[in-house]
Amino acid sequence: MSVVETKASRALMLAKADEIATAIADSEEARRFWQARAKMERHDEAQKLFGDLKRKTNALLTLQERLGEKHEKYQRIQAETDALWDRLAEIPVALQYKAAQDELNALLQEVTLILLARLREQLPVERGPRQCGSGGCSGGAADRAVCIDVGRCGVVHGGS
């Protein structure tokens, strides 16, 4: 394949990827996500709890990696995380936001998995429990993560 053909093929793939991205952005799942997010932005308590939950969850993943799940500090942070979830469960806006976020993330993940399924025989694709971090893939609790090759994380985040 010539350089011109390769560039044209690449441009076509990127154009199709852009079409997929536009379709996702225009989807019912995306519309529900943005509506729920707008409601969340007007609910100070839910915002604070989600921020706290995000910080605790990140701490939990770090502790799990460094100390293990049986460690006292991990258990304490896990209990605090559970308590935050319980408080969020009492706020309908928070539940709507979480459901919309999960729904959008599921759509994004399905698209990613379809692409990877079609490429699995040609590329070194690894699927497993991974957490996306600044250094690429690392062990974690995100059971829907997909990694292509070592250190290239393909985790799809629904946003928060």
N, C-alpha and C. Protein backbone atom coordinates (compact mmCIF):
# COMPACT_ATOMS: atom_id res chain seq x y z
N MET A 1 0.85 -1.18 0.00
CA MET A 1 0.00 0.00 0.00
C MET A 1 0.90 1.24 0.00
N SER A 2 0.58 2.18 -0.88
CA SER A 2 1.39 3.39 -0.99
C SER A 2 1.12 4.33 0.17
N VAL A 3 1.97 5.32 0.32
CA VAL A 3 1.81 6.32 1.38
C VAL A 3 0.50 7.08 1.19
N VAL A 4 0.15 7.39 -0.05
CA VAL A 4 -1.09 8.11 -0.34
C VAL A 4 -2.30 7.25 0.03
N GLU A 5 -2.26 5.95 -0.32
CA GLU A 5 -3.36 5.05 0.03
C GLU A 5 -3.48 4.89 1.55
N THR A 6 -2.34 4.81 2.22
CA THR A 6 -2.34 4.68 3.68
C THR A 6 -2.96 5.91 4.32
N LYS A 7 -2.59 7.09 3.85
CA LYS A 7 -3.15 8.33 4.39
C LYS A 7 -4.65 8.42 4.12
N ALA A 8 -5.08 8.00 2.92
CA ALA A 8 -6.51 8.03 2.59
C ALA A 8 -7.27 7.04 3.46
N SER A 9 -6.70 5.86 3.67
CA SER A 9 -7.33 4.84 4.51
C SER A 9 -7.44 5.33 5.96
N ARG A 10 -6.38 5.95 6.44
CA ARG A 10 -6.38 6.49 7.80
C ARG A 10 -7.43 7.60 7.93
N ALA A 11 -7.48 8.47 6.95
CA ALA A 11 -8.46 9.56 6.98
C ALA A 11 -9.88 9.02 6.98
N LEU A 12 -10.13 7.95 6.21
CA LEU A 12 -11.46 7.34 6.18
C LEU A 12 -11.81 6.73 7.54
N MET A 13 -10.85 6.03 8.16
CA MET A 13 -11.10 5.46 9.49
C MET A 13 -11.39 6.54 10.51
N LEU A 14 -10.63 7.61 10.47
CA LEU A 14 -10.85 8.70 11.42
C LEU A 14 -12.19 9.39 11.18
N ALA A 15 -12.59 9.51 9.92
CA ALA A 15 -13.90 10.10 9.61
C ALA A 15 -15.01 9.21 10.16
N LYS A 16 -14.86 7.89 10.03
CA LYS A 16 -15.87 6.98 10.55
C LYS A 16 -15.89 7.02 12.08
N ALA A 17 -14.72 7.14 12.68
CA ALA A 17 -14.67 7.28 14.15
C ALA A 17 -15.37 8.56 14.58
N ASP A 18 -15.19 9.62 13.81
CA ASP A 18 -15.87 10.88 14.11
C ASP A 18 -17.39 10.73 13.98
N GLU A 19 -17.84 9.97 12.99
CA GLU A 19 -19.28 9.71 12.84
C GLU A 19 -19.82 8.96 14.05
N ILE A 20 -19.07 7.97 14.52
CA ILE A 20 -19.49 7.21 15.70
C ILE A 20 -19.55 8.13 16.91
N ALA A 21 -18.53 8.96 17.07
CA ALA A 21 -18.50 9.89 18.20
C ALA A 21 -19.70 10.85 18.16
N THR A 22 -20.02 11.33 16.99
CA THR A 22 -21.17 12.22 16.83
C THR A 22 -22.47 11.50 17.16
N ALA A 23 -22.59 10.26 16.70
CA ALA A 23 -23.79 9.47 16.99
C ALA A 23 -23.94 9.24 18.50
N ILE A 24 -22.84 8.98 19.17
CA ILE A 24 -22.89 8.78 20.62
C ILE A 24 -23.27 10.09 21.31
N ALA A 25 -22.65 11.18 20.89
CA ALA A 25 -22.94 12.49 21.49
C ALA A 25 -24.40 12.90 21.28
N ASP A 26 -24.99 12.45 20.18
CA ASP A 26 -26.39 12.77 19.87
C ASP A 26 -27.37 11.72 20.39
N SER A 27 -26.86 10.72 21.10
CA SER A 27 -27.71 9.60 21.54
C SER A 27 -28.63 9.99 22.69
N GLU A 28 -29.64 9.18 22.88
CA GLU A 28 -30.56 9.35 24.00
C GLU A 28 -29.81 9.21 25.32
N GLU A 29 -28.84 8.31 25.37
CA GLU A 29 -28.04 8.13 26.59
C GLU A 29 -27.28 9.41 26.94
N ALA A 30 -26.71 10.05 25.94
CA ALA A 30 -25.98 11.30 26.19
C ALA A 30 -26.93 12.41 26.63
N ARG A 31 -28.10 12.47 25.99
CA ARG A 31 -29.09 13.49 26.38
C ARG A 31 -29.50 13.31 27.84
N ARG A 32 -29.78 12.06 28.25
CA ARG A 32 -30.16 11.81 29.64
C ARG A 32 -29.02 12.13 30.60
N PHE A 33 -27.79 11.82 30.18
CA PHE A 33 -26.63 12.15 31.02
C PHE A 33 -26.54 13.65 31.27
N TRP A 34 -26.63 14.45 30.21
CA TRP A 34 -26.50 15.90 30.37
C TRP A 34 -27.64 16.49 31.18
N GLN A 35 -28.83 15.95 31.01
CA GLN A 35 -29.96 16.42 31.83
C GLN A 35 -29.73 16.11 33.30
N ALA A 36 -29.28 14.89 33.58
CA ALA A 36 -29.04 14.50 34.97
C ALA A 36 -27.87 15.29 35.56
N ARG A 37 -26.86 15.54 34.76
CA ARG A 37 -25.71 16.32 35.24
C ARG A 37 -26.13 17.75 35.59
N ALA A 38 -26.99 18.33 34.76
CA ALA A 38 -27.46 19.69 35.03
C ALA A 38 -28.21 19.74 36.36
N LYS A 39 -29.02 18.72 36.63
CA LYS A 39 -29.72 18.65 37.92
C LYS A 39 -28.72 18.52 39.07
N MET A 40 -27.72 17.69 38.86
CA MET A 40 -26.70 17.48 39.90
C MET A 40 -25.96 18.79 40.21
N GLU A 41 -25.69 19.57 39.18
CA GLU A 41 -24.95 20.82 39.36
C GLU A 41 -25.72 21.82 40.21
N ARG A 42 -27.03 21.61 40.32
CA ARG A 42 -27.86 22.50 41.14
C ARG A 42 -28.09 21.92 42.55
N HIS A 43 -27.48 20.78 42.84
CA HIS A 43 -27.70 20.13 44.14
C HIS A 43 -26.35 20.06 44.88
N ASP A 44 -26.13 21.04 45.75
CA ASP A 44 -24.83 21.17 46.43
C ASP A 44 -24.45 19.94 47.25
N GLU A 45 -25.40 19.40 47.99
CA GLU A 45 -25.08 18.25 48.85
C GLU A 45 -24.66 17.04 48.01
N ALA A 46 -25.38 16.76 46.94
CA ALA A 46 -25.05 15.62 46.09
C ALA A 46 -23.68 15.82 45.44
N GLN A 47 -23.39 17.03 45.00
CA GLN A 47 -22.07 17.32 44.42
C GLN A 47 -20.95 17.06 45.42
N LYS A 48 -21.16 17.53 46.64
CA LYS A 48 -20.14 17.33 47.68
C LYS A 48 -19.95 15.85 47.96
N LEU A 49 -21.05 15.11 48.06
CA LEU A 49 -20.95 13.68 48.35
C LEU A 49 -20.25 12.93 47.21
N PHE A 50 -20.57 13.27 45.95
CA PHE A 50 -19.89 12.63 44.83
C PHE A 50 -18.40 12.96 44.82
N GLY A 51 -18.05 14.19 45.14
CA GLY A 51 -16.63 14.56 45.23
C GLY A 51 -15.92 13.77 46.32
N ASP A 52 -16.56 13.68 47.48
CA ASP A 52 -16.00 12.88 48.57
C ASP A 52 -15.86 11.42 48.17
N LEU A 53 -16.88 10.90 47.49
CA LEU A 53 -16.86 9.51 47.06
C LEU A 53 -15.72 9.26 46.08
N LYS A 54 -15.52 10.18 45.17
CA LYS A 54 -14.43 10.04 44.19
C LYS A 54 -13.08 9.99 44.90
N ARG A 55 -12.88 10.89 45.84
CA ARG A 55 -11.61 10.91 46.59
C ARG A 55 -11.42 9.62 47.40
N LYS A 56 -12.48 9.18 48.06
CA LYS A 56 -12.39 7.95 48.87
C LYS A 56 -12.13 6.73 47.98
N THR A 57 -12.80 6.68 46.84
CA THR A 57 -12.62 5.55 45.93
C THR A 57 -11.18 5.50 45.41
N ASN A 58 -10.63 6.65 45.06
CA ASN A 58 -9.23 6.69 44.61
C ASN A 58 -8.30 6.24 45.73
N ALA A 59 -8.57 6.70 46.95
CA ALA A 59 -7.76 6.27 48.09
C ALA A 59 -7.89 4.77 48.31
N LEU A 60 -9.09 4.27 48.14
CA LEU A 60 -9.35 2.84 48.33
C LEU A 60 -8.55 2.01 47.33
N LEU A 61 -8.53 2.43 46.08
CA LEU A 61 -7.77 1.70 45.06
C LEU A 61 -6.27 1.71 45.38
N THR A 62 -5.78 2.85 45.85
CA THR A 62 -4.36 2.94 46.22
C THR A 62 -4.06 2.03 47.40
N LEU A 63 -4.92 2.07 48.42
CA LEU A 63 -4.72 1.21 49.60
C LEU A 63 -4.82 -0.26 49.23
N GLN A 64 -5.73 -0.60 48.36
CA GLN A 64 -5.88 -1.99 47.94
C GLN A 64 -4.59 -2.49 47.30
N GLU A 65 -4.02 -1.64 46.45
CA GLU A 65 -2.79 -1.98 45.76
C GLU A 65 -1.61 -2.09 46.73
N ARG A 66 -1.51 -1.16 47.66
CA ARG A 66 -0.35 -1.10 48.56
C ARG A 66 -0.46 -2.00 49.78
N LEU A 67 -1.66 -2.05 50.39
CA LEU A 67 -1.80 -2.75 51.66
C LEU A 67 -2.67 -4.00 51.59
N GLY A 68 -3.54 -4.08 50.60
CA GLY A 68 -4.46 -5.21 50.49
C GLY A 68 -5.78 -4.92 51.17
N GLU A 69 -6.79 -5.70 50.80
CA GLU A 69 -8.15 -5.48 51.28
C GLU A 69 -8.35 -5.84 52.75
N LYS A 70 -7.48 -6.59 53.32
CA LYS A 70 -7.65 -7.01 54.71
C LYS A 70 -7.08 -6.00 55.71
N HIS A 71 -6.31 -5.05 55.21
CA HIS A 71 -5.68 -4.07 56.09
C HIS A 71 -6.73 -3.18 56.76
N GLU A 72 -6.47 -2.81 58.00
CA GLU A 72 -7.40 -2.00 58.79
C GLU A 72 -7.72 -0.67 58.12
N LYS A 73 -6.73 -0.02 57.57
CA LYS A 73 -6.95 1.28 56.92
C LYS A 73 -7.86 1.12 55.69
N TYR A 74 -7.63 0.06 54.92
CA TYR A 74 -8.49 -0.21 53.77
C TYR A 74 -9.93 -0.43 54.23
N GLN A 75 -10.10 -1.23 55.26
CA GLN A 75 -11.43 -1.53 55.77
C GLN A 75 -12.15 -0.27 56.24
N ARG A 76 -11.42 0.64 56.87
CA ARG A 76 -12.00 1.89 57.36
C ARG A 76 -12.47 2.76 56.20
N ILE A 77 -11.63 2.89 55.18
CA ILE A 77 -11.99 3.71 54.02
C ILE A 77 -13.15 3.05 53.25
N GLN A 78 -13.16 1.72 53.21
CA GLN A 78 -14.27 1.01 52.56
C GLN A 78 -15.58 1.31 53.28
N ALA A 79 -15.56 1.31 54.61
CA ALA A 79 -16.77 1.62 55.39
C ALA A 79 -17.22 3.06 55.13
N GLU A 80 -16.27 3.99 55.03
CA GLU A 80 -16.60 5.38 54.74
C GLU A 80 -17.21 5.51 53.34
N THR A 81 -16.67 4.76 52.38
CA THR A 81 -17.19 4.76 51.02
C THR A 81 -18.61 4.22 50.99
N ASP A 82 -18.84 3.13 51.72
CA ASP A 82 -20.19 2.56 51.80
C ASP A 82 -21.17 3.57 52.41
N ALA A 83 -20.72 4.28 53.42
CA ALA A 83 -21.59 5.28 54.07
C ALA A 83 -21.94 6.41 53.09
N LEU A 84 -20.97 6.81 52.26
CA LEU A 84 -21.24 7.85 51.26
C LEU A 84 -22.26 7.35 50.24
N TRP A 85 -22.14 6.09 49.82
CA TRP A 85 -23.11 5.52 48.89
C TRP A 85 -24.50 5.50 49.51
N ASP A 86 -24.57 5.16 50.78
CA ASP A 86 -25.86 5.14 51.47
C ASP A 86 -26.49 6.52 51.50
N ARG A 87 -25.67 7.54 51.75
CA ARG A 87 -26.19 8.92 51.77
C ARG A 87 -26.64 9.36 50.39
N LEU A 88 -25.86 9.00 49.36
CA LEU A 88 -26.23 9.36 47.99
C LEU A 88 -27.52 8.66 47.57
N ALA A 89 -27.72 7.45 48.05
CA ALA A 89 -28.92 6.69 47.69
C ALA A 89 -30.20 7.36 48.19
N GLU A 90 -30.07 8.28 49.12
CA GLU A 90 -31.21 9.01 49.66
C GLU A 90 -31.55 10.25 48.85
N ILE A 91 -30.73 10.55 47.84
CA ILE A 91 -30.92 11.75 47.03
C ILE A 91 -31.31 11.34 45.61
N PRO A 92 -32.58 11.52 45.23
CA PRO A 92 -33.04 11.08 43.91
C PRO A 92 -32.22 11.63 42.74
N VAL A 93 -31.80 12.88 42.83
CA VAL A 93 -31.00 13.49 41.76
C VAL A 93 -29.67 12.75 41.59
N ALA A 94 -29.09 12.35 42.70
CA ALA A 94 -27.82 11.61 42.65
C ALA A 94 -28.01 10.24 42.00
N LEU A 95 -29.11 9.59 42.33
CA LEU A 95 -29.39 8.28 41.73
C LEU A 95 -29.63 8.40 40.23
N GLN A 96 -30.35 9.45 39.82
CA GLN A 96 -30.59 9.67 38.39
C GLN A 96 -29.27 9.93 37.66
N TYR A 97 -28.42 10.74 38.26
CA TYR A 97 -27.13 11.06 37.66
C TYR A 97 -26.29 9.80 37.52
N LYS A 98 -26.21 9.01 38.58
CA LYS A 98 -25.41 7.78 38.55
C LYS A 98 -25.95 6.83 37.50
N ALA A 99 -27.26 6.67 37.41
CA ALA A 99 -27.86 5.78 36.41
C ALA A 99 -27.56 6.27 35.00
N ALA A 100 -27.68 7.57 34.76
CA ALA A 100 -27.40 8.13 33.44
C ALA A 100 -25.92 7.98 33.08
N GLN A 101 -25.06 8.18 34.05
CA GLN A 101 -23.62 8.02 33.84
C GLN A 101 -23.30 6.57 33.50
N ASP A 102 -23.88 5.64 34.24
CA ASP A 102 -23.65 4.21 33.98
C ASP A 102 -24.16 3.81 32.60
N GLU A 103 -25.31 4.35 32.22
CA GLU A 103 -25.91 4.03 30.92
C GLU A 103 -25.03 4.53 29.77
N LEU A 104 -24.54 5.75 29.89
CA LEU A 104 -23.67 6.30 28.85
C LEU A 104 -22.35 5.54 28.81
N ASN A 105 -21.80 5.23 29.96
CA ASN A 105 -20.55 4.48 30.01
C ASN A 105 -20.74 3.09 29.39
N ALA A 106 -21.89 2.46 29.63
CA ALA A 106 -22.15 1.15 29.05
C ALA A 106 -22.18 1.23 27.52
N LEU A 107 -22.79 2.28 26.98
CA LEU A 107 -22.82 2.46 25.52
C LEU A 107 -21.41 2.63 24.98
N LEU A 108 -20.63 3.49 25.62
CA LEU A 108 -19.25 3.71 25.19
C LEU A 108 -18.45 2.41 25.25
N GLN A 109 -18.65 1.66 26.32
CA GLN A 109 -17.93 0.40 26.48
C GLN A 109 -18.35 -0.61 25.41
N GLU A 110 -19.63 -0.68 25.09
CA GLU A 110 -20.10 -1.60 24.06
C GLU A 110 -19.45 -1.30 22.71
N VAL A 111 -19.38 -0.03 22.36
CA VAL A 111 -18.75 0.37 21.11
C VAL A 111 -17.27 -0.05 21.12
N THR A 112 -16.59 0.21 22.22
CA THR A 112 -15.18 -0.16 22.34
C THR A 112 -15.00 -1.67 22.22
N LEU A 113 -15.86 -2.42 22.89
CA LEU A 113 -15.74 -3.88 22.85
C LEU A 113 -16.01 -4.45 21.46
N ILE A 114 -16.94 -3.85 20.74
CA ILE A 114 -17.20 -4.30 19.37
C ILE A 114 -15.97 -4.09 18.51
N LEU A 115 -15.36 -2.92 18.62
CA LEU A 115 -14.14 -2.65 17.84
C LEU A 115 -13.04 -3.64 18.22
N LEU A 116 -12.85 -3.85 19.49
CA LEU A 116 -11.79 -4.76 19.93
C LEU A 116 -12.08 -6.20 19.53
N ALA A 117 -13.34 -6.61 19.55
CA ALA A 117 -13.68 -7.98 19.16
C ALA A 117 -13.32 -8.22 17.69
N ARG A 118 -13.51 -7.20 16.86
CA ARG A 118 -13.19 -7.34 15.44
C ARG A 118 -11.67 -7.37 15.20
N LEU A 119 -10.91 -6.80 16.12
CA LEU A 119 -9.46 -6.69 15.94
C LEU A 119 -8.66 -7.75 16.71
N ARG A 120 -9.33 -8.48 17.56
CA ARG A 120 -8.65 -9.38 18.50
C ARG A 120 -7.63 -10.31 17.84
N GLU A 121 -7.90 -10.81 16.65
CA GLU A 121 -6.97 -11.74 16.02
C GLU A 121 -5.76 -11.05 15.39
N GLN A 122 -5.87 -9.75 15.13
CA GLN A 122 -4.77 -9.04 14.48
C GLN A 122 -3.90 -8.23 15.44
N LEU A 123 -4.46 -7.90 16.63
CA LEU A 123 -3.74 -7.05 17.57
C LEU A 123 -3.65 -7.70 18.95
N PRO A 124 -2.60 -7.37 19.70
CA PRO A 124 -2.49 -7.91 21.07
C PRO A 124 -3.45 -7.17 22.00
N VAL A 125 -4.65 -7.71 22.16
CA VAL A 125 -5.68 -7.08 22.96
C VAL A 125 -5.83 -7.85 24.26
N GLU A 126 -5.81 -7.15 25.36
CA GLU A 126 -5.98 -7.76 26.67
C GLU A 126 -7.20 -7.16 27.34
N ARG A 127 -8.10 -8.02 27.81
CA ARG A 127 -9.28 -7.54 28.52
C ARG A 127 -9.20 -8.07 29.93
N GLY A 128 -9.44 -7.19 30.90
CA GLY A 128 -9.40 -7.66 32.27
C GLY A 128 -9.62 -6.53 33.24
N PRO A 129 -9.51 -6.83 34.52
CA PRO A 129 -9.72 -5.80 35.53
C PRO A 129 -8.55 -4.82 35.54
N ARG A 130 -8.78 -3.65 35.02
CA ARG A 130 -7.74 -2.62 34.93
C ARG A 130 -8.28 -1.30 35.41
N GLN A 131 -7.38 -0.47 35.84
CA GLN A 131 -7.73 0.89 36.25
C GLN A 131 -6.89 1.83 35.40
N CYS A 132 -7.52 2.80 34.80
CA CYS A 132 -6.79 3.75 33.98
C CYS A 132 -6.09 4.75 34.89
N GLY A 133 -4.83 4.91 34.67
CA GLY A 133 -4.06 5.87 35.48
C GLY A 133 -3.15 6.66 34.58
N SER A 134 -2.43 7.58 35.16
CA SER A 134 -1.57 8.44 34.36
C SER A 134 -0.46 7.66 33.69
N GLY A 135 -0.09 6.51 34.25
CA GLY A 135 0.97 5.70 33.68
C GLY A 135 0.45 4.60 32.77
N GLY A 136 -0.82 4.63 32.41
CA GLY A 136 -1.37 3.58 31.57
C GLY A 136 -2.20 2.63 32.39
N CYS A 137 -2.18 1.37 32.05
CA CYS A 137 -3.00 0.37 32.74
C CYS A 137 -2.34 -0.06 34.03
N SER A 138 -3.14 -0.27 35.03
CA SER A 138 -2.63 -0.82 36.28
C SER A 138 -3.75 -1.64 36.90
N GLY A 139 -3.42 -2.50 37.82
CA GLY A 139 -4.44 -3.32 38.46
C GLY A 139 -5.45 -2.46 39.19
N GLY A 140 -6.69 -2.88 39.21
CA GLY A 140 -7.72 -2.10 39.89
C GLY A 140 -9.06 -2.77 39.80
N ALA A 141 -10.09 -2.05 40.19
CA ALA A 141 -11.41 -2.64 40.29
C ALA A 141 -12.32 -2.32 39.12
N ALA A 142 -11.84 -1.63 38.12
CA ALA A 142 -12.69 -1.26 36.99
C ALA A 142 -12.84 -2.48 36.08
N ASP A 143 -13.86 -3.29 36.28
CA ASP A 143 -13.99 -4.56 35.58
C ASP A 143 -14.35 -4.42 34.11
N ARG A 144 -14.61 -3.21 33.64
CA ARG A 144 -14.96 -3.04 32.23
C ARG A 144 -13.82 -2.47 31.42
N ALA A 145 -12.64 -2.36 31.99
CA ALA A 145 -11.52 -1.76 31.29
C ALA A 145 -11.02 -2.69 30.20
N VAL A 146 -10.49 -2.10 29.16
CA VAL A 146 -9.91 -2.85 28.07
C VAL A 146 -8.56 -2.23 27.78
N CYS A 147 -7.55 -3.04 27.66
CA CYS A 147 -6.21 -2.52 27.37
C CYS A 147 -5.71 -3.10 26.06
N ILE A 148 -5.16 -2.24 25.26
CA ILE A 148 -4.56 -2.66 24.00
C ILE A 148 -3.07 -2.54 24.19
N ASP A 149 -2.39 -3.68 24.09
CA ASP A 149 -0.95 -3.74 24.30
C ASP A 149 -0.64 -3.33 25.74
N VAL A 150 0.60 -3.35 26.09
CA VAL A 150 0.99 -3.06 27.47
C VAL A 150 1.09 -1.55 27.66
N GLY A 151 0.43 -1.03 28.69
CA GLY A 151 0.55 0.37 29.03
C GLY A 151 -0.36 1.31 28.25
N ARG A 152 -1.18 0.78 27.35
CA ARG A 152 -2.10 1.63 26.59
C ARG A 152 -3.50 1.36 27.08
N CYS A 153 -4.05 2.26 27.85
CA CYS A 153 -5.33 2.00 28.47
C CYS A 153 -6.47 2.48 27.58
N GLY A 154 -7.49 1.61 27.44
CA GLY A 154 -8.66 1.92 26.65
C GLY A 154 -9.91 2.05 27.48
N VAL A 155 -9.74 2.43 28.74
CA VAL A 155 -10.90 2.56 29.63
C VAL A 155 -11.75 3.71 29.16
N VAL A 156 -13.03 3.49 29.13
CA VAL A 156 -13.97 4.52 28.73
C VAL A 156 -14.63 5.06 29.98
N HIS A 157 -14.50 6.33 30.23
CA HIS A 157 -15.11 6.96 31.41
C HIS A 157 -16.31 7.77 30.97
N GLY A 158 -17.38 7.62 31.70
CA GLY A 158 -18.61 8.33 31.34
C GLY A 158 -18.59 9.79 31.74
N GLY A 159 -17.64 10.20 32.51
CA GLY A 159 -17.57 11.59 32.96
C GLY A 159 -18.18 11.75 34.31
N SER A 160 -17.74 12.75 35.00
CA SER A 160 -18.33 13.06 36.31
C SER A 160 -18.11 14.50 36.64
